[in-house]
Amino acid sequence: MTLSNEQKKAYRAIGHRLNPIVTVAGNGLSEGVMDELNRALDDHELIKVKLAVGDREIKKAVIAEMVKACSAQLVQQIGNTALLLRRNPKANPKLSNLS
């Protein structure tokens, strides 16, 4: 499912006030990082991820791998920060960034 421009704009507006929940650093996408990423997406649905992995090409590869492994959608990527979305119909409304 692809996002329309209107949906992306709305998600970017929500994401603007969010702080990064997960940080991907020198070890890349380890099992612990993937577990935390999946937990955060289940709970919050829309999250920011901070990347400290190197140059642009490495960042693009890491983001592509994250999106594929988590079945998420990339809403936006600016510099070292990516905004990811994965809808969860059973998400706790108190934790979800979309409610």
C-alpha atoms as a PDB file:
ATOM      1  CA  MET A   1       0.000   0.000   0.000  1.00  0.00           C
ATOM      2  CA  THR A   2       1.453   3.345  -1.021  1.00  0.00           C
ATOM      3  CA  LEU A   3       0.678   6.577   0.740  1.00  0.00           C
ATOM      4  CA  SER A   4      -0.935   9.506  -1.034  1.00  0.00           C
ATOM      5  CA  ASN A   5       0.658  12.933  -0.824  1.00  0.00           C
ATOM      6  CA  GLU A   6      -2.088  14.080   1.554  1.00  0.00           C
ATOM      7  CA  GLN A   7      -1.451  11.119   3.872  1.00  0.00           C
ATOM      8  CA  LYS A   8       2.312  11.724   3.819  1.00  0.00           C
ATOM      9  CA  LYS A   9       1.755  15.378   4.638  1.00  0.00           C
ATOM     10  CA  ALA A  10      -0.468  14.481   7.609  1.00  0.00           C
ATOM     11  CA  TYR A  11       2.021  11.888   8.911  1.00  0.00           C
ATOM     12  CA  ARG A  12       4.928  14.323   8.500  1.00  0.00           C
ATOM     13  CA  ALA A  13       2.998  16.904  10.540  1.00  0.00           C
ATOM     14  CA  ILE A  14       2.499  14.353  13.325  1.00  0.00           C
ATOM     15  CA  GLY A  15       6.108  13.169  13.043  1.00  0.00           C
ATOM     16  CA  HIS A  16       7.485  16.685  13.335  1.00  0.00           C
ATOM     17  CA  ARG A  17       6.839  16.775  17.084  1.00  0.00           C
ATOM     18  CA  LEU A  18       8.140  13.235  17.737  1.00  0.00           C
ATOM     19  CA  ASN A  19      11.537  12.376  19.145  1.00  0.00           C
ATOM     20  CA  PRO A  20      13.535   9.437  17.768  1.00  0.00           C
ATOM     21  CA  ILE A  21      12.629   6.217  19.586  1.00  0.00           C
ATOM     22  CA  VAL A  22      15.201   3.869  18.057  1.00  0.00           C
ATOM     23  CA  THR A  23      18.820   4.624  17.152  1.00  0.00           C
ATOM     24  CA  VAL A  24      20.725   2.557  14.616  1.00  0.00           C
ATOM     25  CA  ALA A  25      24.460   2.986  15.144  1.00  0.00           C
ATOM     26  CA  GLY A  26      27.719   1.280  14.193  1.00  0.00           C
ATOM     27  CA  ASN A  27      26.480  -2.284  14.737  1.00  0.00           C
ATOM     28  CA  GLY A  28      23.725  -1.761  12.174  1.00  0.00           C
ATOM     29  CA  LEU A  29      20.468  -3.686  12.356  1.00  0.00           C
ATOM     30  CA  SER A  30      21.277  -6.179  15.079  1.00  0.00           C
ATOM     31  CA  GLU A  31      18.662  -8.521  16.494  1.00  0.00           C
ATOM     32  CA  GLY A  32      18.143  -6.255  19.512  1.00  0.00           C
ATOM     33  CA  VAL A  33      17.600  -3.192  17.329  1.00  0.00           C
ATOM     34  CA  MET A  34      15.096  -5.084  15.158  1.00  0.00           C
ATOM     35  CA  ASP A  35      13.207  -6.289  18.252  1.00  0.00           C
ATOM     36  CA  GLU A  36      12.997  -2.741  19.609  1.00  0.00           C
ATOM     37  CA  LEU A  37      11.974  -1.406  16.200  1.00  0.00           C
ATOM     38  CA  ASN A  38       9.131  -3.935  15.922  1.00  0.00           C
ATOM     39  CA  ARG A  39       7.980  -3.221  19.480  1.00  0.00           C
ATOM     40  CA  ALA A  40       7.988   0.531  18.853  1.00  0.00           C
ATOM     41  CA  LEU A  41       6.040   0.155  15.606  1.00  0.00           C
ATOM     42  CA  ASP A  42       3.488  -2.104  17.320  1.00  0.00           C
ATOM     43  CA  ASP A  43       2.998   0.373  20.157  1.00  0.00           C
ATOM     44  CA  HIS A  44       3.301   3.750  18.418  1.00  0.00           C
ATOM     45  CA  GLU A  45       2.586   2.985  14.721  1.00  0.00           C
ATOM     46  CA  LEU A  46       4.460   6.117  13.576  1.00  0.00           C
ATOM     47  CA  ILE A  47       8.037   6.466  14.823  1.00  0.00           C
ATOM     48  CA  LYS A  48      11.241   8.346  14.163  1.00  0.00           C
ATOM     49  CA  VAL A  49      14.479   6.404  13.817  1.00  0.00           C
ATOM     50  CA  LYS A  50      17.879   8.054  14.159  1.00  0.00           C
ATOM     51  CA  LEU A  51      20.673   6.681  11.978  1.00  0.00           C
ATOM     52  CA  ALA A  52      24.356   7.035  12.815  1.00  0.00           C
ATOM     53  CA  VAL A  53      25.791   4.584  10.309  1.00  0.00           C
ATOM     54  CA  GLY A  54      27.902   6.525   7.833  1.00  0.00           C
ATOM     55  CA  ASP A  55      27.394   8.075   4.425  1.00  0.00           C
ATOM     56  CA  ARG A  56      24.224   8.457   2.363  1.00  0.00           C
ATOM     57  CA  GLU A  57      24.430   5.173   0.511  1.00  0.00           C
ATOM     58  CA  ILE A  58      24.816   3.166   3.721  1.00  0.00           C
ATOM     59  CA  LYS A  59      21.880   5.080   5.291  1.00  0.00           C
ATOM     60  CA  LYS A  60      19.688   4.360   2.266  1.00  0.00           C
ATOM     61  CA  ALA A  61      20.590   0.657   2.413  1.00  0.00           C
ATOM     62  CA  VAL A  62      19.880   0.459   6.167  1.00  0.00           C
ATOM     63  CA  ILE A  63      16.533   2.230   5.758  1.00  0.00           C
ATOM     64  CA  ALA A  64      15.540  -0.073   2.891  1.00  0.00           C
ATOM     65  CA  GLU A  65      16.459  -3.102   4.995  1.00  0.00           C
ATOM     66  CA  MET A  66      14.487  -1.760   7.989  1.00  0.00           C
ATOM     67  CA  VAL A  67      11.399  -1.097   5.894  1.00  0.00           C
ATOM     68  CA  LYS A  68      11.531  -4.549   4.323  1.00  0.00           C
ATOM     69  CA  ALA A  69      12.270  -6.456   7.543  1.00  0.00           C
ATOM     70  CA  CYS A  70       9.559  -4.667   9.562  1.00  0.00           C
ATOM     71  CA  SER A  71       6.923  -4.463   6.820  1.00  0.00           C
ATOM     72  CA  ALA A  72       6.795  -0.721   7.431  1.00  0.00           C
ATOM     73  CA  GLN A  73       6.496   2.252   5.116  1.00  0.00           C
ATOM     74  CA  LEU A  74       8.963   5.081   4.824  1.00  0.00           C
ATOM     75  CA  VAL A  75       7.069   8.353   5.179  1.00  0.00           C
ATOM     76  CA  GLN A  76      10.090  10.653   5.111  1.00  0.00           C
ATOM     77  CA  GLN A  77      13.858  10.642   5.416  1.00  0.00           C
ATOM     78  CA  ILE A  78      15.746  13.814   6.230  1.00  0.00           C
ATOM     79  CA  GLY A  79      19.428  13.680   7.062  1.00  0.00           C
ATOM     80  CA  ASN A  80      20.015  11.124   9.800  1.00  0.00           C
ATOM     81  CA  THR A  81      16.335  10.674  10.674  1.00  0.00           C
ATOM     82  CA  ALA A  82      13.692   8.434   9.109  1.00  0.00           C
ATOM     83  CA  LEU A  83       9.955   8.477   9.790  1.00  0.00           C
ATOM     84  CA  LEU A  84       8.414   4.996   9.600  1.00  0.00           C
ATOM     85  CA  LEU A  85       4.779   3.916   9.614  1.00  0.00           C
ATOM     86  CA  ARG A  86       3.192   0.533  10.258  1.00  0.00           C
ATOM     87  CA  ARG A  87      -0.527   0.527  11.024  1.00  0.00           C
ATOM     88  CA  ASN A  88      -1.643  -1.679  13.908  1.00  0.00           C
ATOM     89  CA  PRO A  89      -5.407  -2.058  14.370  1.00  0.00           C
ATOM     90  CA  LYS A  90      -4.835  -3.407  17.899  1.00  0.00           C
ATOM     91  CA  ALA A  91      -2.570  -0.553  19.023  1.00  0.00           C
ATOM     92  CA  ASN A  92      -3.133   0.915  22.471  1.00  0.00           C
ATOM     93  CA  PRO A  93      -4.706   4.356  21.897  1.00  0.00           C
ATOM     94  CA  LYS A  94      -2.717   5.765  24.829  1.00  0.00           C
ATOM     95  CA  LEU A  95       0.575   4.827  23.149  1.00  0.00           C
ATOM     96  CA  SER A  96      -0.263   5.336  19.483  1.00  0.00           C
ATOM     97  CA  ASN A  97       0.967   8.509  17.812  1.00  0.00           C
ATOM     98  CA  LEU A  98      -1.942   8.316  15.349  1.00  0.00           C
ATOM     99  CA  SER A  99      -4.845   8.345  17.814  1.00  0.00           C
END
